[in-house]
């Protein structure tokens, strides 16, 4: 018996109100997984976009020196 069949067997023995509660929980899990997938896709595209934008810049001369990076307080 598959997991889905076992779930259906247990679910059919529950009262309708409990079945609705199980459905709510399943929808919550689906939404959480969907959100995680969207975030992972966003991270992948951001990394790709940044890599594409920076491609070839390692060969360019630097516009700033170490002295430019030091902050002075007076």
PDB file of N, CA and C in Angstrom:
ATOM      1  N   UNK A   1       0.847  -1.176   0.000  1.00  0.00           N
ATOM      2  CA  UNK A   1       0.000   0.000   0.000  1.00  0.00           C
ATOM      3  C   UNK A   1       0.901   1.251   0.000  1.00  0.00           C
ATOM      4  N   UNK A   2       0.566   2.196  -0.856  1.00  0.00           N
ATOM      5  CA  UNK A   2       1.358   3.420  -0.936  1.00  0.00           C
ATOM      6  C   UNK A   2       1.011   4.348   0.232  1.00  0.00           C
ATOM      7  N   UNK A   3       1.835   5.336   0.412  1.00  0.00           N
ATOM      8  CA  UNK A   3       1.595   6.322   1.468  1.00  0.00           C
ATOM      9  C   UNK A   3       0.274   7.044   1.222  1.00  0.00           C
ATOM     10  N   UNK A   4       0.018   7.426  -0.027  1.00  0.00           N
ATOM     11  CA  UNK A   4      -1.229   8.126  -0.356  1.00  0.00           C
ATOM     12  C   UNK A   4      -2.439   7.253  -0.040  1.00  0.00           C
ATOM     13  N   UNK A   5      -2.362   5.973  -0.336  1.00  0.00           N
ATOM     14  CA  UNK A   5      -3.474   5.075  -0.043  1.00  0.00           C
ATOM     15  C   UNK A   5      -3.690   4.945   1.463  1.00  0.00           C
ATOM     16  N   UNK A   6      -2.615   4.882   2.209  1.00  0.00           N
ATOM     17  CA  UNK A   6      -2.716   4.791   3.665  1.00  0.00           C
ATOM     18  C   UNK A   6      -3.345   6.053   4.235  1.00  0.00           C
ATOM     19  N   UNK A   7      -2.955   7.199   3.714  1.00  0.00           N
ATOM     20  CA  UNK A   7      -3.526   8.477   4.165  1.00  0.00           C
ATOM     21  C   UNK A   7      -5.016   8.510   3.875  1.00  0.00           C
ATOM     22  N   UNK A   8      -5.411   8.107   2.667  1.00  0.00           N
ATOM     23  CA  UNK A   8      -6.827   8.106   2.290  1.00  0.00           C
ATOM     24  C   UNK A   8      -7.614   7.170   3.205  1.00  0.00           C
ATOM     25  N   UNK A   9      -7.058   6.033   3.518  1.00  0.00           N
ATOM     26  CA  UNK A   9      -7.731   5.075   4.396  1.00  0.00           C
ATOM     27  C   UNK A   9      -7.979   5.686   5.779  1.00  0.00           C
ATOM     28  N   UNK A  10      -6.947   6.312   6.332  1.00  0.00           N
ATOM     29  CA  UNK A  10      -7.093   6.953   7.647  1.00  0.00           C
ATOM     30  C   UNK A  10      -8.045   8.140   7.567  1.00  0.00           C
ATOM     31  N   UNK A  11      -7.937   8.909   6.497  1.00  0.00           N
ATOM     32  CA  UNK A  11      -8.748  10.107   6.328  1.00  0.00           C
ATOM     33  C   UNK A  11     -10.232   9.773   6.229  1.00  0.00           C
ATOM     34  N   UNK A  12     -10.540   8.707   5.522  1.00  0.00           N
ATOM     35  CA  UNK A  12     -11.955   8.339   5.346  1.00  0.00           C
ATOM     36  C   UNK A  12     -12.604   7.899   6.665  1.00  0.00           C
ATOM     37  N   UNK A  13     -11.804   7.511   7.637  1.00  0.00           N
ATOM     38  CA  UNK A  13     -12.343   7.105   8.934  1.00  0.00           C
ATOM     39  C   UNK A  13     -12.615   8.294   9.846  1.00  0.00           C
ATOM     40  N   UNK A  14     -12.126   9.468   9.483  1.00  0.00           N
ATOM     41  CA  UNK A  14     -12.301  10.658  10.319  1.00  0.00           C
ATOM     42  C   UNK A  14     -13.628  11.342  10.018  1.00  0.00           C
ATOM     43  N   UNK A  15     -14.159  12.089  10.995  1.00  0.00           N
ATOM     44  CA  UNK A  15     -15.358  12.892  10.724  1.00  0.00           C
ATOM     45  C   UNK A  15     -15.020  14.048   9.772  1.00  0.00           C
ATOM     46  N   UNK A  16     -16.046  14.592   9.139  1.00  0.00           N
ATOM     47  CA  UNK A  16     -15.859  15.654   8.140  1.00  0.00           C
ATOM     48  C   UNK A  16     -15.067  16.831   8.705  1.00  0.00           C
ATOM     49  N   UNK A  17     -15.325  17.233   9.931  1.00  0.00           N
ATOM     50  CA  UNK A  17     -14.610  18.384  10.512  1.00  0.00           C
ATOM     51  C   UNK A  17     -13.111  18.095  10.609  1.00  0.00           C
ATOM     52  N   UNK A  18     -12.744  16.871  10.963  1.00  0.00           N
ATOM     53  CA  UNK A  18     -11.330  16.500  11.045  1.00  0.00           C
ATOM     54  C   UNK A  18     -10.729  16.408   9.642  1.00  0.00           C
ATOM     55  N   UNK A  19     -11.520  15.945   8.683  1.00  0.00           N
ATOM     56  CA  UNK A  19     -11.035  15.880   7.301  1.00  0.00           C
ATOM     57  C   UNK A  19     -10.722  17.295   6.785  1.00  0.00           C
ATOM     58  N   UNK A  20     -11.562  18.263   7.152  1.00  0.00           N
ATOM     59  CA  UNK A  20     -11.326  19.656   6.761  1.00  0.00           C
ATOM     60  C   UNK A  20     -10.042  20.178   7.399  1.00  0.00           C
ATOM     61  N   UNK A  21      -9.797  19.805   8.635  1.00  0.00           N
ATOM     62  CA  UNK A  21      -8.578  20.211   9.329  1.00  0.00           C
ATOM     63  C   UNK A  21      -7.340  19.639   8.640  1.00  0.00           C
ATOM     64  N   UNK A  22      -7.432  18.380   8.223  1.00  0.00           N
ATOM     65  CA  UNK A  22      -6.328  17.745   7.485  1.00  0.00           C
ATOM     66  C   UNK A  22      -6.114  18.470   6.162  1.00  0.00           C
ATOM     67  N   UNK A  23      -7.198  18.798   5.464  1.00  0.00           N
ATOM     68  CA  UNK A  23      -7.084  19.526   4.203  1.00  0.00           C
ATOM     69  C   UNK A  23      -6.406  20.875   4.416  1.00  0.00           C
ATOM     70  N   UNK A  24      -6.781  21.593   5.464  1.00  0.00           N
ATOM     71  CA  UNK A  24      -6.138  22.879   5.771  1.00  0.00           C
ATOM     72  C   UNK A  24      -4.637  22.697   5.986  1.00  0.00           C
ATOM     73  N   UNK A  25      -4.269  21.651   6.686  1.00  0.00           N
ATOM     74  CA  UNK A  25      -2.855  21.401   6.956  1.00  0.00           C
ATOM     75  C   UNK A  25      -2.106  21.062   5.666  1.00  0.00           C
ATOM     76  N   UNK A  26      -2.714  20.252   4.808  1.00  0.00           N
ATOM     77  CA  UNK A  26      -2.077  19.901   3.533  1.00  0.00           C
ATOM     78  C   UNK A  26      -1.888  21.155   2.680  1.00  0.00           C
ATOM     79  N   UNK A  27      -2.881  22.024   2.642  1.00  0.00           N
ATOM     80  CA  UNK A  27      -2.756  23.272   1.876  1.00  0.00           C
ATOM     81  C   UNK A  27      -1.668  24.167   2.459  1.00  0.00           C
ATOM     82  N   UNK A  28      -1.547  24.181   3.780  1.00  0.00           N
ATOM     83  CA  UNK A  28      -0.473  24.947   4.426  1.00  0.00           C
ATOM     84  C   UNK A  28       0.895  24.419   3.994  1.00  0.00           C
ATOM     85  N   UNK A  29       1.057  23.107   4.008  1.00  0.00           N
ATOM     86  CA  UNK A  29       2.333  22.504   3.597  1.00  0.00           C
ATOM     87  C   UNK A  29       2.632  22.835   2.137  1.00  0.00           C
ATOM     88  N   UNK A  30       1.625  22.752   1.279  1.00  0.00           N
ATOM     89  CA  UNK A  30       1.818  23.090  -0.139  1.00  0.00           C
ATOM     90  C   UNK A  30       2.273  24.541  -0.304  1.00  0.00           C
ATOM     91  N   UNK A  31       1.632  25.452   0.411  1.00  0.00           N
ATOM     92  CA  UNK A  31       1.980  26.871   0.316  1.00  0.00           C
ATOM     93  C   UNK A  31       3.394  27.117   0.807  1.00  0.00           C
ATOM     94  N   UNK A  32       3.766  26.471   1.908  1.00  0.00           N
ATOM     95  CA  UNK A  32       5.117  26.637   2.447  1.00  0.00           C
ATOM     96  C   UNK A  32       6.173  26.142   1.463  1.00  0.00           C
ATOM     97  N   UNK A  33       5.917  25.005   0.842  1.00  0.00           N
ATOM     98  CA  UNK A  33       6.871  24.453  -0.135  1.00  0.00           C
ATOM     99  C   UNK A  33       6.943  25.346  -1.370  1.00  0.00           C
ATOM    100  N   UNK A  34       5.800  25.880  -1.797  1.00  0.00           N
ATOM    101  CA  UNK A  34       5.759  26.755  -2.967  1.00  0.00           C
ATOM    102  C   UNK A  34       6.559  28.033  -2.687  1.00  0.00           C
ATOM    103  N   UNK A  35       6.385  28.602  -1.476  1.00  0.00           N
ATOM    104  CA  UNK A  35       7.128  29.809  -1.101  1.00  0.00           C
ATOM    105  C   UNK A  35       8.625  29.545  -1.077  1.00  0.00           C
ATOM    106  N   UNK A  36       9.022  28.387  -0.565  1.00  0.00           N
ATOM    107  CA  UNK A  36      10.438  28.030  -0.497  1.00  0.00           C
ATOM    108  C   UNK A  36      11.012  27.910  -1.911  1.00  0.00           C
ATOM    109  N   UNK A  37      10.253  27.315  -2.823  1.00  0.00           N
ATOM    110  CA  UNK A  37      10.703  27.160  -4.209  1.00  0.00           C
ATOM    111  C   UNK A  37      10.868  28.524  -4.864  1.00  0.00           C
ATOM    112  N   UNK A  38       9.924  29.422  -4.609  1.00  0.00           N
ATOM    113  CA  UNK A  38      10.005  30.773  -5.186  1.00  0.00           C
ATOM    114  C   UNK A  38      11.249  31.484  -4.671  1.00  0.00           C
ATOM    115  N   UNK A  39      11.532  31.381  -3.362  1.00  0.00           N
ATOM    116  CA  UNK A  39      12.725  32.022  -2.797  1.00  0.00           C
ATOM    117  C   UNK A  39      13.998  31.439  -3.401  1.00  0.00           C
ATOM    118  N   UNK A  40      14.043  30.125  -3.565  1.00  0.00           N
ATOM    119  CA  UNK A  40      15.223  29.496  -4.149  1.00  0.00           C
ATOM    120  C   UNK A  40      15.414  29.945  -5.589  1.00  0.00           C
ATOM    121  N   UNK A  41      14.314  30.075  -6.337  1.00  0.00           N
ATOM    122  CA  UNK A  41      14.398  30.569  -7.713  1.00  0.00           C
ATOM    123  C   UNK A  41      14.893  32.016  -7.740  1.00  0.00           C
ATOM    124  N   UNK A  42      14.377  32.842  -6.823  1.00  0.00           N
ATOM    125  CA  UNK A  42      14.817  34.243  -6.755  1.00  0.00           C
ATOM    126  C   UNK A  42      16.312  34.336  -6.458  1.00  0.00           C
ATOM    127  N   UNK A  43      16.800  33.519  -5.547  1.00  0.00           N
ATOM    128  CA  UNK A  43      18.219  33.523  -5.195  1.00  0.00           C
ATOM    129  C   UNK A  43      19.057  33.103  -6.396  1.00  0.00           C
ATOM    130  N   UNK A  44      18.604  32.082  -7.106  1.00  0.00           N
ATOM    131  CA  UNK A  44      19.339  31.614  -8.283  1.00  0.00           C
ATOM    132  C   UNK A  44      19.410  32.703  -9.347  1.00  0.00           C
ATOM    133  N   UNK A  45      18.272  33.366  -9.614  1.00  0.00           N
ATOM    134  CA  UNK A  45      18.264  34.411 -10.621  1.00  0.00           C
ATOM    135  C   UNK A  45      19.102  35.617 -10.185  1.00  0.00           C
ATOM    136  N   UNK A  46      19.080  35.941  -8.903  1.00  0.00           N
ATOM    137  CA  UNK A  46      19.892  37.057  -8.410  1.00  0.00           C
ATOM    138  C   UNK A  46      21.375  36.768  -8.589  1.00  0.00           C
ATOM    139  N   UNK A  47      21.782  35.552  -8.263  1.00  0.00           N
ATOM    140  CA  UNK A  47      23.187  35.177  -8.424  1.00  0.00           C
ATOM    141  C   UNK A  47      23.581  35.214  -9.892  1.00  0.00           C
ATOM    142  N   UNK A  48      22.717  34.712 -10.755  1.00  0.00           N
ATOM    143  CA  UNK A  48      22.992  34.732 -12.197  1.00  0.00           C
ATOM    144  C   UNK A  48      23.091  36.166 -12.710  1.00  0.00           C
ATOM    145  N   UNK A  49      22.164  37.004 -12.273  1.00  0.00           N
ATOM    146  CA  UNK A  49      22.148  38.401 -12.711  1.00  0.00           C
ATOM    147  C   UNK A  49      23.414  39.131 -12.265  1.00  0.00           C
ATOM    148  N   UNK A  50      23.810  38.927 -11.023  1.00  0.00           N
ATOM    149  CA  UNK A  50      25.013  39.572 -10.516  1.00  0.00           C
ATOM    150  C   UNK A  50      26.250  39.077 -11.251  1.00  0.00           C
ATOM    151  N   UNK A  51      26.331  37.779 -11.485  1.00  0.00           N
ATOM    152  CA  UNK A  51      27.475  37.219 -12.209  1.00  0.00           C
ATOM    153  C   UNK A  51      27.533  37.770 -13.627  1.00  0.00           C
ATOM    154  N   UNK A  52      26.373  37.916 -14.261  1.00  0.00           N
ATOM    155  CA  UNK A  52      26.329  38.459 -15.624  1.00  0.00           C
ATOM    156  C   UNK A  52      26.753  39.922 -15.646  1.00  0.00           C
ATOM    157  N   UNK A  53      26.293  40.678 -14.649  1.00  0.00           N
ATOM    158  CA  UNK A  53      26.628  42.105 -14.600  1.00  0.00           C
ATOM    159  C   UNK A  53      28.108  42.319 -14.323  1.00  0.00           C
ATOM    160  N   UNK A  54      28.723  41.443 -13.538  1.00  0.00           N
ATOM    161  CA  UNK A  54      30.117  41.608 -13.141  1.00  0.00           C
ATOM    162  C   UNK A  54      31.099  40.957 -14.118  1.00  0.00           C
ATOM    163  N   UNK A  55      30.580  40.197 -15.081  1.00  0.00           N
ATOM    164  CA  UNK A  55      31.439  39.484 -16.015  1.00  0.00           C
ATOM    165  C   UNK A  55      32.389  40.459 -16.730  1.00  0.00           C
ATOM    166  N   UNK A  56      33.647  40.164 -16.687  1.00  0.00           N
ATOM    167  CA  UNK A  56      34.657  40.962 -17.376  1.00  0.00           C
ATOM    168  C   UNK A  56      35.225  42.102 -16.551  1.00  0.00           C
ATOM    169  N   UNK A  57      34.623  42.408 -15.417  1.00  0.00           N
ATOM    170  CA  UNK A  57      35.086  43.534 -14.609  1.00  0.00           C
ATOM    171  C   UNK A  57      36.416  43.254 -13.924  1.00  0.00           C
ATOM    172  N   UNK A  58      36.760  41.976 -13.754  1.00  0.00           N
ATOM    173  CA  UNK A  58      38.019  41.657 -13.075  1.00  0.00           C
ATOM    174  C   UNK A  58      39.224  42.121 -13.893  1.00  0.00           C
ATOM    175  N   UNK A  59      39.032  42.377 -15.172  1.00  0.00           N
ATOM    176  CA  UNK A  59      40.121  42.824 -16.032  1.00  0.00           C
ATOM    177  C   UNK A  59      40.246  44.352 -16.073  1.00  0.00           C
ATOM    178  N   UNK A  60      39.284  45.055 -15.509  1.00  0.00           N
ATOM    179  CA  UNK A  60      39.305  46.514 -15.533  1.00  0.00           C
ATOM    180  C   UNK A  60      40.225  47.064 -14.445  1.00  0.00           C
ATOM    181  N   UNK A  61      40.795  48.238 -14.712  1.00  0.00           N
ATOM    182  CA  UNK A  61      41.614  48.916 -13.712  1.00  0.00           C
ATOM    183  C   UNK A  61      40.708  49.441 -12.599  1.00  0.00           C
ATOM    184  N   UNK A  62      41.231  49.428 -11.388  1.00  0.00           N
ATOM    185  CA  UNK A  62      40.478  49.909 -10.247  1.00  0.00           C
ATOM    186  C   UNK A  62      40.394  51.429 -10.274  1.00  0.00           C
ATOM    187  N   UNK A  63      39.247  51.962  -9.934  1.00  0.00           N
ATOM    188  CA  UNK A  63      39.056  53.412  -9.898  1.00  0.00           C
ATOM    189  C   UNK A  63      39.489  54.010  -8.567  1.00  0.00           C
ATOM    190  N   UNK A  64      39.662  53.161  -7.555  1.00  0.00           N
ATOM    191  CA  UNK A  64      39.971  53.637  -6.216  1.00  0.00           C
ATOM    192  C   UNK A  64      41.231  52.965  -5.685  1.00  0.00           C
ATOM    193  N   UNK A  65      41.885  53.658  -4.756  1.00  0.00           N
ATOM    194  CA  UNK A  65      43.061  53.094  -4.097  1.00  0.00           C
ATOM    195  C   UNK A  65      42.680  52.733  -2.670  1.00  0.00           C
ATOM    196  N   UNK A  66      43.596  52.102  -1.960  1.00  0.00           N
ATOM    197  CA  UNK A  66      43.352  51.764  -0.561  1.00  0.00           C
ATOM    198  C   UNK A  66      43.145  53.040   0.254  1.00  0.00           C
ATOM    199  N   UNK A  67      43.848  54.089  -0.095  1.00  0.00           N
ATOM    200  CA  UNK A  67      43.705  55.363   0.608  1.00  0.00           C
ATOM    201  C   UNK A  67      42.285  55.913   0.462  1.00  0.00           C
ATOM    202  N   UNK A  68      41.665  55.668  -0.667  1.00  0.00           N
ATOM    203  CA  UNK A  68      40.288  56.123  -0.873  1.00  0.00           C
ATOM    204  C   UNK A  68      39.308  55.389   0.047  1.00  0.00           C
ATOM    205  N   UNK A  69      39.672  54.207   0.461  1.00  0.00           N
ATOM    206  CA  UNK A  69      38.782  53.397   1.273  1.00  0.00           C
ATOM    207  C   UNK A  69      38.859  53.721   2.757  1.00  0.00           C
ATOM    208  N   UNK A  70      39.918  54.389   3.169  1.00  0.00           N
ATOM    209  CA  UNK A  70      40.085  54.717   4.586  1.00  0.00           C
ATOM    210  C   UNK A  70      39.236  55.931   4.944  1.00  0.00           C
ATOM    211  N   UNK A  71      38.512  55.785   6.036  1.00  0.00           N
ATOM    212  CA  UNK A  71      37.673  56.856   6.504  1.00  0.00           C
ATOM    213  C   UNK A  71      38.418  57.628   7.585  1.00  0.00           C
ATOM    214  N   UNK A  72      38.409  58.922   7.488  1.00  0.00           N
ATOM    215  CA  UNK A  72      39.121  59.701   8.485  1.00  0.00           C
ATOM    216  C   UNK A  72      38.117  60.468   9.361  1.00  0.00           C
ATOM    217  N   UNK A  73      38.472  60.556  10.633  1.00  0.00           N
ATOM    218  CA  UNK A  73      37.645  61.279  11.601  1.00  0.00           C
ATOM    219  C   UNK A  73      38.473  62.456  12.127  1.00  0.00           C
ATOM    220  N   UNK A  74      37.889  63.589  12.114  1.00  0.00           N
ATOM    221  CA  UNK A  74      38.592  64.769  12.606  1.00  0.00           C
ATOM    222  C   UNK A  74      37.752  65.533  13.566  1.00  0.00           C
TER     223      UNK A  74
END
